[in-house]
Amino acid sequence: MAPIPGSGLAKGLAVTLRTMTKKTVTEQYPDTQPDLPPRTRGVIGLFEENCTVCMLCARECPDWCIYIDSHKETVPAAAPGGRERSRNVLDRFAIDFSLCMYCGICIEVCPFDALFWSPEFEYAETDIHELTHERDKLREWMWTVPAPPALDPGAEEPKEIATARKTAEKLAATQAAQAAQAAQAAQAGHAAQAAEAAETTQTPEAATPAETTQPDPADPTEPPEGQS
């Protein structure tokens, strides 16, 4: 079906009319903070505990604005006879936001979730050198990172959570079975003790001989034996 001449112009004018009839809302910034989307790219926060100094973020950064320094430390063997290991220790992690173009490549390539986007954007400085945030400053930005969105109710449960849940359920079942066995053993022990106590309290009565009346030799009314 061929388009009607002038239909595109009519659609554009319809959009213009709808926009003209909407009420204009002016945000009184900076007195009122803007309501930013949850995935706003404001500043980058560093979660230092997850950083393994793999250098992927610094190598993939197209602006070369990430500076990382580290040294190696020897970790003693965990068990006697084991082998010592070496690990990287982070000395410096800095991002120069005067060069950063907020592409997010460093966050995407980090394999250990050590970098996060924060919606904070108010960090302008009068000195360009102050825009290089060291790891202490990057750590402060971590507390402004919003919580991740909730999972889709129909989504598949993550393998890590499923494994942890199954392990916890198995441990709880084992503990419940052990508690039930202990309770049964305690009840059996109490029953045995009660039966033993009952047996000790119920002793048989000793047979007593029949009582016989013996004559009193001092009594004159009793005749001697052989006399009636």
C-alpha atoms as a PDB file:
ATOM      1  CA  MET A   1       0.000   0.000   0.000  1.00  0.00           C
ATOM      2  CA  ALA A   2       1.450   3.310  -1.058  1.00  0.00           C
ATOM      3  CA  PRO A   3       1.897   5.883   1.699  1.00  0.00           C
ATOM      4  CA  ILE A   4      -0.553   8.746   1.753  1.00  0.00           C
ATOM      5  CA  PRO A   5       1.109  11.989   0.700  1.00  0.00           C
ATOM      6  CA  GLY A   6       1.760  14.178   3.719  1.00  0.00           C
ATOM      7  CA  SER A   7       1.317  11.372   6.312  1.00  0.00           C
ATOM      8  CA  GLY A   8       4.862  11.825   7.622  1.00  0.00           C
ATOM      9  CA  LEU A   9       4.283  15.545   8.097  1.00  0.00           C
ATOM     10  CA  ALA A  10       1.034  14.820   9.936  1.00  0.00           C
ATOM     11  CA  LYS A  11       2.764  12.399  12.302  1.00  0.00           C
ATOM     12  CA  GLY A  12       5.490  14.917  13.064  1.00  0.00           C
ATOM     13  CA  LEU A  13       2.948  17.652  13.769  1.00  0.00           C
ATOM     14  CA  ALA A  14       1.009  15.248  16.023  1.00  0.00           C
ATOM     15  CA  VAL A  15       4.146  14.689  18.113  1.00  0.00           C
ATOM     16  CA  THR A  16       4.681  18.422  18.304  1.00  0.00           C
ATOM     17  CA  LEU A  17       1.111  19.022  19.452  1.00  0.00           C
ATOM     18  CA  ARG A  18       1.332  16.344  22.140  1.00  0.00           C
ATOM     19  CA  THR A  19       4.549  17.875  23.446  1.00  0.00           C
ATOM     20  CA  MET A  20       3.086  21.380  23.450  1.00  0.00           C
ATOM     21  CA  THR A  21       0.167  20.301  25.598  1.00  0.00           C
ATOM     22  CA  LYS A  22       2.366  18.708  28.289  1.00  0.00           C
ATOM     23  CA  LYS A  23       3.171  20.696  31.393  1.00  0.00           C
ATOM     24  CA  THR A  24       6.783  21.807  31.641  1.00  0.00           C
ATOM     25  CA  VAL A  25       8.551  20.700  34.835  1.00  0.00           C
ATOM     26  CA  THR A  26      11.678  22.557  35.889  1.00  0.00           C
ATOM     27  CA  GLU A  27      13.995  20.808  38.316  1.00  0.00           C
ATOM     28  CA  GLN A  28      15.419  23.273  40.830  1.00  0.00           C
ATOM     29  CA  TYR A  29      18.980  21.984  40.745  1.00  0.00           C
ATOM     30  CA  PRO A  30      21.119  22.143  42.923  1.00  0.00           C
ATOM     31  CA  ASP A  31      18.481  22.678  45.609  1.00  0.00           C
ATOM     32  CA  THR A  32      16.644  19.581  44.373  1.00  0.00           C
ATOM     33  CA  GLN A  33      18.679  16.595  43.292  1.00  0.00           C
ATOM     34  CA  PRO A  34      17.664  15.054  39.966  1.00  0.00           C
ATOM     35  CA  ASP A  35      16.058  11.628  39.876  1.00  0.00           C
ATOM     36  CA  LEU A  36      18.692   9.767  37.875  1.00  0.00           C
ATOM     37  CA  PRO A  37      18.217   6.384  36.192  1.00  0.00           C
ATOM     38  CA  PRO A  38      19.709   3.445  38.122  1.00  0.00           C
ATOM     39  CA  ARG A  39      22.339   2.800  35.420  1.00  0.00           C
ATOM     40  CA  THR A  40      23.647   6.351  35.301  1.00  0.00           C
ATOM     41  CA  ARG A  41      27.355   6.587  34.500  1.00  0.00           C
ATOM     42  CA  GLY A  42      28.525   9.134  37.016  1.00  0.00           C
ATOM     43  CA  VAL A  43      31.787   8.037  38.629  1.00  0.00           C
ATOM     44  CA  ILE A  44      33.578   4.706  39.080  1.00  0.00           C
ATOM     45  CA  GLY A  45      33.900   3.038  42.482  1.00  0.00           C
ATOM     46  CA  LEU A  46      36.531   0.482  43.461  1.00  0.00           C
ATOM     47  CA  PHE A  47      35.826  -2.545  45.662  1.00  0.00           C
ATOM     48  CA  GLU A  48      39.435  -3.217  46.609  1.00  0.00           C
ATOM     49  CA  GLU A  49      38.845  -6.627  48.202  1.00  0.00           C
ATOM     50  CA  ASN A  50      37.861  -8.087  44.810  1.00  0.00           C
ATOM     51  CA  CYS A  51      40.816  -6.663  42.897  1.00  0.00           C
ATOM     52  CA  THR A  52      43.478  -9.243  41.988  1.00  0.00           C
ATOM     53  CA  VAL A  53      45.733  -6.786  40.086  1.00  0.00           C
ATOM     54  CA  CYS A  54      45.114  -8.633  36.822  1.00  0.00           C
ATOM     55  CA  MET A  55      45.629  -5.324  34.929  1.00  0.00           C
ATOM     56  CA  LEU A  56      42.808  -6.052  32.474  1.00  0.00           C
ATOM     57  CA  CYS A  57      41.087  -2.744  33.130  1.00  0.00           C
ATOM     58  CA  ALA A  58      44.288  -0.751  32.589  1.00  0.00           C
ATOM     59  CA  ARG A  59      45.164  -2.646  29.398  1.00  0.00           C
ATOM     60  CA  GLU A  60      41.698  -2.324  27.868  1.00  0.00           C
ATOM     61  CA  CYS A  61      41.204   1.351  28.751  1.00  0.00           C
ATOM     62  CA  PRO A  62      41.253   3.298  25.434  1.00  0.00           C
ATOM     63  CA  ASP A  63      42.340   6.505  27.189  1.00  0.00           C
ATOM     64  CA  TRP A  64      45.023   4.929  29.415  1.00  0.00           C
ATOM     65  CA  CYS A  65      43.617   6.790  32.404  1.00  0.00           C
ATOM     66  CA  ILE A  66      43.920   3.923  34.923  1.00  0.00           C
ATOM     67  CA  TYR A  67      47.153   3.660  36.927  1.00  0.00           C
ATOM     68  CA  ILE A  68      47.926   0.490  38.897  1.00  0.00           C
ATOM     69  CA  ASP A  69      51.003  -0.354  40.973  1.00  0.00           C
ATOM     70  CA  SER A  70      51.545  -3.589  42.872  1.00  0.00           C
ATOM     71  CA  HIS A  71      54.155  -5.889  44.349  1.00  0.00           C
ATOM     72  CA  LYS A  72      54.393  -9.607  44.980  1.00  0.00           C
ATOM     73  CA  GLU A  73      54.291 -11.245  48.396  1.00  0.00           C
ATOM     74  CA  THR A  74      55.075 -14.825  49.332  1.00  0.00           C
ATOM     75  CA  VAL A  75      52.264 -16.664  51.057  1.00  0.00           C
ATOM     76  CA  PRO A  76      53.431 -19.499  53.344  1.00  0.00           C
ATOM     77  CA  ALA A  77      52.145 -22.998  52.753  1.00  0.00           C
ATOM     78  CA  ALA A  78      48.735 -23.719  54.202  1.00  0.00           C
ATOM     79  CA  ALA A  79      49.754 -27.225  55.320  1.00  0.00           C
ATOM     80  CA  PRO A  80      53.081 -28.709  56.407  1.00  0.00           C
ATOM     81  CA  GLY A  81      55.047 -29.855  53.396  1.00  0.00           C
ATOM     82  CA  GLY A  82      53.033 -27.648  51.025  1.00  0.00           C
ATOM     83  CA  ARG A  83      54.372 -25.262  48.438  1.00  0.00           C
ATOM     84  CA  GLU A  84      54.665 -21.530  49.061  1.00  0.00           C
ATOM     85  CA  ARG A  85      52.683 -19.289  46.769  1.00  0.00           C
ATOM     86  CA  SER A  86      53.016 -15.702  45.620  1.00  0.00           C
ATOM     87  CA  ARG A  87      50.226 -13.182  45.234  1.00  0.00           C
ATOM     88  CA  ASN A  88      49.924  -9.635  43.955  1.00  0.00           C
ATOM     89  CA  VAL A  89      49.319  -6.904  46.515  1.00  0.00           C
ATOM     90  CA  LEU A  90      47.739  -3.665  45.346  1.00  0.00           C
ATOM     91  CA  ASP A  91      49.790  -0.538  46.075  1.00  0.00           C
ATOM     92  CA  ARG A  92      48.030   2.038  43.932  1.00  0.00           C
ATOM     93  CA  PHE A  93      44.816   2.187  41.939  1.00  0.00           C
ATOM     94  CA  ALA A  94      43.945   5.574  40.454  1.00  0.00           C
ATOM     95  CA  ILE A  95      41.629   6.831  37.707  1.00  0.00           C
ATOM     96  CA  ASP A  96      42.153  10.169  35.982  1.00  0.00           C
ATOM     97  CA  PHE A  97      38.628  11.416  35.332  1.00  0.00           C
ATOM     98  CA  SER A  98      39.956  14.360  33.313  1.00  0.00           C
ATOM     99  CA  LEU A  99      40.829  11.761  30.639  1.00  0.00           C
ATOM    100  CA  CYS A 100      38.072   9.204  31.239  1.00  0.00           C
ATOM    101  CA  MET A 101      35.398   9.145  28.530  1.00  0.00           C
ATOM    102  CA  TYR A 102      33.002   6.965  30.603  1.00  0.00           C
ATOM    103  CA  CYS A 103      32.903   4.131  28.088  1.00  0.00           C
ATOM    104  CA  GLY A 104      32.592   1.511  30.855  1.00  0.00           C
ATOM    105  CA  ILE A 105      35.032  -0.912  29.250  1.00  0.00           C
ATOM    106  CA  CYS A 106      37.019  -1.269  32.483  1.00  0.00           C
ATOM    107  CA  ILE A 107      33.885  -2.283  34.363  1.00  0.00           C
ATOM    108  CA  GLU A 108      32.822  -4.751  31.677  1.00  0.00           C
ATOM    109  CA  VAL A 109      36.177  -6.540  31.416  1.00  0.00           C
ATOM    110  CA  CYS A 110      36.814  -6.839  35.169  1.00  0.00           C
ATOM    111  CA  PRO A 111      36.477 -10.602  35.850  1.00  0.00           C
ATOM    112  CA  PHE A 112      36.125 -10.221  39.627  1.00  0.00           C
ATOM    113  CA  ASP A 113      33.561  -7.382  39.940  1.00  0.00           C
ATOM    114  CA  ALA A 114      35.933  -4.861  41.479  1.00  0.00           C
ATOM    115  CA  LEU A 115      34.676  -1.792  39.556  1.00  0.00           C
ATOM    116  CA  PHE A 116      31.133  -0.370  39.648  1.00  0.00           C
ATOM    117  CA  TRP A 117      29.253   2.608  38.277  1.00  0.00           C
ATOM    118  CA  SER A 118      28.019   5.173  40.770  1.00  0.00           C
ATOM    119  CA  PRO A 119      25.362   7.762  39.855  1.00  0.00           C
ATOM    120  CA  GLU A 120      27.298  10.504  41.683  1.00  0.00           C
ATOM    121  CA  PHE A 121      28.385  13.250  39.292  1.00  0.00           C
ATOM    122  CA  GLU A 122      29.191  16.194  41.546  1.00  0.00           C
ATOM    123  CA  TYR A 123      32.949  15.959  41.765  1.00  0.00           C
ATOM    124  CA  ALA A 124      34.097  18.951  39.729  1.00  0.00           C
ATOM    125  CA  GLU A 125      37.385  20.520  40.838  1.00  0.00           C
ATOM    126  CA  THR A 126      39.128  23.812  40.246  1.00  0.00           C
ATOM    127  CA  ASP A 127      42.450  22.008  39.806  1.00  0.00           C
ATOM    128  CA  ILE A 128      42.699  19.386  37.085  1.00  0.00           C
ATOM    129  CA  HIS A 129      45.115  17.341  39.183  1.00  0.00           C
ATOM    130  CA  GLU A 130      42.371  16.780  41.754  1.00  0.00           C
ATOM    131  CA  LEU A 131      40.410  14.783  39.180  1.00  0.00           C
ATOM    132  CA  THR A 132      42.828  11.879  39.606  1.00  0.00           C
ATOM    133  CA  HIS A 133      41.088   9.817  42.265  1.00  0.00           C
ATOM    134  CA  GLU A 134      43.297   7.457  44.238  1.00  0.00           C
ATOM    135  CA  ARG A 135      42.046   4.164  45.650  1.00  0.00           C
ATOM    136  CA  ASP A 136      40.884   5.718  48.941  1.00  0.00           C
ATOM    137  CA  LYS A 137      38.657   8.145  47.047  1.00  0.00           C
ATOM    138  CA  LEU A 138      37.469   5.386  44.720  1.00  0.00           C
ATOM    139  CA  ARG A 139      36.598   3.309  47.790  1.00  0.00           C
ATOM    140  CA  GLU A 140      34.417   6.148  49.088  1.00  0.00           C
ATOM    141  CA  TRP A 141      32.460   6.126  45.835  1.00  0.00           C
ATOM    142  CA  MET A 142      31.592   2.464  46.440  1.00  0.00           C
ATOM    143  CA  TRP A 143      29.165   3.442  49.214  1.00  0.00           C
ATOM    144  CA  THR A 144      27.130   5.424  46.663  1.00  0.00           C
ATOM    145  CA  VAL A 145      26.701   2.499  44.259  1.00  0.00           C
ATOM    146  CA  PRO A 146      23.008   1.491  44.130  1.00  0.00           C
ATOM    147  CA  ALA A 147      21.961  -2.047  44.910  1.00  0.00           C
ATOM    148  CA  PRO A 148      21.585  -4.374  41.926  1.00  0.00           C
ATOM    149  CA  PRO A 149      18.063  -4.813  40.571  1.00  0.00           C
ATOM    150  CA  ALA A 150      16.027  -7.766  41.717  1.00  0.00           C
ATOM    151  CA  LEU A 151      16.152 -10.919  39.633  1.00  0.00           C
ATOM    152  CA  ASP A 152      13.338 -11.789  37.294  1.00  0.00           C
ATOM    153  CA  PRO A 153      10.978 -14.174  39.148  1.00  0.00           C
ATOM    154  CA  GLY A 154      11.010 -16.460  36.140  1.00  0.00           C
ATOM    155  CA  ALA A 155      14.790 -16.454  35.763  1.00  0.00           C
ATOM    156  CA  GLU A 156      16.872 -19.544  36.469  1.00  0.00           C
ATOM    157  CA  GLU A 157      18.487 -19.639  39.886  1.00  0.00           C
ATOM    158  CA  PRO A 158      22.252 -18.927  39.760  1.00  0.00           C
ATOM    159  CA  LYS A 159      24.408 -22.030  40.093  1.00  0.00           C
ATOM    160  CA  GLU A 160      26.330 -20.614  43.049  1.00  0.00           C
ATOM    161  CA  ILE A 161      23.140 -19.941  45.018  1.00  0.00           C
ATOM    162  CA  ALA A 162      21.649 -23.320  44.092  1.00  0.00           C
ATOM    163  CA  THR A 163      24.789 -25.156  45.203  1.00  0.00           C
ATOM    164  CA  ALA A 164      24.950 -23.229  48.480  1.00  0.00           C
ATOM    165  CA  ARG A 165      21.243 -23.846  49.146  1.00  0.00           C
ATOM    166  CA  LYS A 166      21.537 -27.596  48.494  1.00  0.00           C
ATOM    167  CA  THR A 167      24.575 -27.822  50.762  1.00  0.00           C
ATOM    168  CA  ALA A 168      22.742 -25.952  53.527  1.00  0.00           C
ATOM    169  CA  GLU A 169      19.657 -28.180  53.177  1.00  0.00           C
ATOM    170  CA  LYS A 170      21.797 -31.336  53.285  1.00  0.00           C
ATOM    171  CA  LEU A 171      23.612 -30.111  56.378  1.00  0.00           C
ATOM    172  CA  ALA A 172      20.327 -29.200  58.071  1.00  0.00           C
ATOM    173  CA  ALA A 173      18.886 -32.661  57.288  1.00  0.00           C
ATOM    174  CA  THR A 174      21.992 -34.363  58.694  1.00  0.00           C
ATOM    175  CA  GLN A 175      21.836 -32.310  61.874  1.00  0.00           C
ATOM    176  CA  ALA A 176      18.116 -33.048  62.275  1.00  0.00           C
ATOM    177  CA  ALA A 177      18.718 -36.802  61.871  1.00  0.00           C
ATOM    178  CA  GLN A 178      21.531 -36.707  64.425  1.00  0.00           C
ATOM    179  CA  ALA A 179      19.328 -34.777  66.850  1.00  0.00           C
ATOM    180  CA  ALA A 180      16.504 -37.309  66.400  1.00  0.00           C
ATOM    181  CA  GLN A 181      18.873 -40.219  67.044  1.00  0.00           C
ATOM    182  CA  ALA A 182      20.237 -38.518  70.137  1.00  0.00           C
ATOM    183  CA  ALA A 183      16.692 -37.912  71.416  1.00  0.00           C
ATOM    184  CA  GLN A 184      15.737 -41.563  70.858  1.00  0.00           C
ATOM    185  CA  ALA A 185      18.876 -42.757  72.635  1.00  0.00           C
ATOM    186  CA  ALA A 186      18.159 -40.437  75.549  1.00  0.00           C
ATOM    187  CA  GLN A 187      14.581 -41.694  75.802  1.00  0.00           C
ATOM    188  CA  ALA A 188      15.769 -45.330  75.731  1.00  0.00           C
ATOM    189  CA  GLY A 189      18.320 -44.589  78.451  1.00  0.00           C
ATOM    190  CA  HIS A 190      15.685 -42.941  80.644  1.00  0.00           C
ATOM    191  CA  ALA A 191      13.344 -45.932  80.158  1.00  0.00           C
ATOM    192  CA  ALA A 192      16.092 -48.391  81.109  1.00  0.00           C
ATOM    193  CA  GLN A 193      16.956 -46.385  84.206  1.00  0.00           C
ATOM    194  CA  ALA A 194      13.281 -46.244  85.226  1.00  0.00           C
ATOM    195  CA  ALA A 195      12.874 -50.026  84.805  1.00  0.00           C
ATOM    196  CA  GLU A 196      16.000 -50.708  86.831  1.00  0.00           C
ATOM    197  CA  ALA A 197      14.815 -48.394  89.594  1.00  0.00           C
ATOM    198  CA  ALA A 198      11.429 -50.152  89.669  1.00  0.00           C
ATOM    199  CA  GLU A 199      13.076 -53.571  90.003  1.00  0.00           C
ATOM    200  CA  THR A 200      15.219 -52.466  92.950  1.00  0.00           C
ATOM    201  CA  THR A 201      12.282 -50.979  94.839  1.00  0.00           C
ATOM    202  CA  GLN A 202      10.052 -54.072  94.484  1.00  0.00           C
ATOM    203  CA  THR A 203      11.984 -56.677  96.680  1.00  0.00           C
ATOM    204  CA  PRO A 204      10.160 -59.998  97.560  1.00  0.00           C
ATOM    205  CA  GLU A 205       8.860 -60.352 101.133  1.00  0.00           C
ATOM    206  CA  ALA A 206      10.829 -62.859 103.264  1.00  0.00           C
ATOM    207  CA  ALA A 207       8.856 -65.946 104.361  1.00  0.00           C
ATOM    208  CA  THR A 208       8.149 -65.802 108.096  1.00  0.00           C
ATOM    209  CA  PRO A 209       7.658 -69.101 110.069  1.00  0.00           C
ATOM    210  CA  ALA A 210       4.333 -69.747 111.711  1.00  0.00           C
ATOM    211  CA  GLU A 211       4.116 -68.312 115.128  1.00  0.00           C
ATOM    212  CA  THR A 212       3.947 -71.018 117.901  1.00  0.00           C
ATOM    213  CA  THR A 213       2.822 -70.469 121.424  1.00  0.00           C
ATOM    214  CA  GLN A 214       5.334 -71.706 123.930  1.00  0.00           C
ATOM    215  CA  PRO A 215       4.133 -72.398 127.499  1.00  0.00           C
ATOM    216  CA  ASP A 216       5.494 -70.166 130.105  1.00  0.00           C
ATOM    217  CA  PRO A 217       7.158 -72.328 132.813  1.00  0.00           C
ATOM    218  CA  ALA A 218       6.447 -69.692 135.404  1.00  0.00           C
ATOM    219  CA  ASP A 219       2.727 -69.720 134.684  1.00  0.00           C
ATOM    220  CA  PRO A 220       0.974 -72.177 137.154  1.00  0.00           C
ATOM    221  CA  THR A 221      -2.148 -72.389 135.006  1.00  0.00           C
ATOM    222  CA  GLU A 222      -0.303 -74.093 132.199  1.00  0.00           C
ATOM    223  CA  PRO A 223      -0.125 -77.903 132.799  1.00  0.00           C
ATOM    224  CA  PRO A 224       3.154 -79.578 132.235  1.00  0.00           C
ATOM    225  CA  GLU A 225       3.713 -81.603 129.126  1.00  0.00           C
ATOM    226  CA  GLY A 226       2.188 -85.101 129.208  1.00  0.00           C
ATOM    227  CA  GLN A 227      -0.501 -84.151 131.719  1.00  0.00           C
ATOM    228  CA  SER A 228      -4.029 -83.228 130.849  1.00  0.00           C
END
